[in-house]
Amino acid sequence: MAQQRNDAKIALETNVYNASVAIEHKRNLRAYLITKRAMDIIAAFIGMVFLIPLFIVVAILIKIEDPRGPVFFHQVRIGKNETPFRMYKFRSMVSNAEELLDGLLSQNEIDGAMFKMKEDPRITKVGKFIRKTSIDELPQLWNVIRGDMSIVGPRPPLSREVAEYTSYDKMRLKVMPGCTGLWQVSGRNELNFAEMVDLDLAYIERRSMLFDLKIIFKTVKVLIGSKDAF
């Protein structure tokens, strides 16, 4: 009887401890998310103001090469909790790139629910440069300000990619997508889809302001010497 009481006491103390840990974790996560959002807004706003001259130069170059096409390209992506949003980029492909995609899907160079092709014939000359340097991604700072994206987070997928996701893959959609992330600084296009998902879930498990800052610094380092951005 005494043993049963001791077992019951241990079980109660364990449950109380676990509940306390869960509450503390929830508080820490809430504080992290609030701080992250504030830093996202500040960084994105400063970045857009600072990069205005670069934006103007890139816009002129895009128009010189292809006067008929728009400077910016937007595409519906899937964000947090599978919510669709319009993601912005500098246009790096010919104007009818989406119409040409079906004829290129068989040449996909990435395994899994994602399309990548190193020598994609749809990419313009200016597009090759802004993709290699990831300048084409800079308009996503506007998505950050709008609250569609964060500076750091999983890559936002296309609807057709999500249609092929398993329930495990969809776990990467539980958080705000990012302009950069653990996948981008860990090999990017050298990794297959399954490895990308594993990295995204590892990020979600470990995320913190310090971890985000490390990813941002690694992103800068990768961009300086990038050879695999396509």
Foldseek 3Di string as FASTA:
>chain_A
DVVVVVVVVVVVVVVVVVVVVVVVVVVQVVVQVVVQLVVLQVVLVVLCVVCVVVLVVQQVVVCVQPVVAHQKDWAWFAAAPRRIDIAIFGDFFDRCVVVCVVVCQVVAPAPALDRDDPPPVRGDPSSVVCQLLVVRLSVRSVVSNVVQAGQEAAATHHPSSVVRDDPLLCVSRNHGHHSFYQCQLPCNRVHHPVVSSVRRVVCVVVPGPVVVVVRVVSNVVCSVVPDPGD
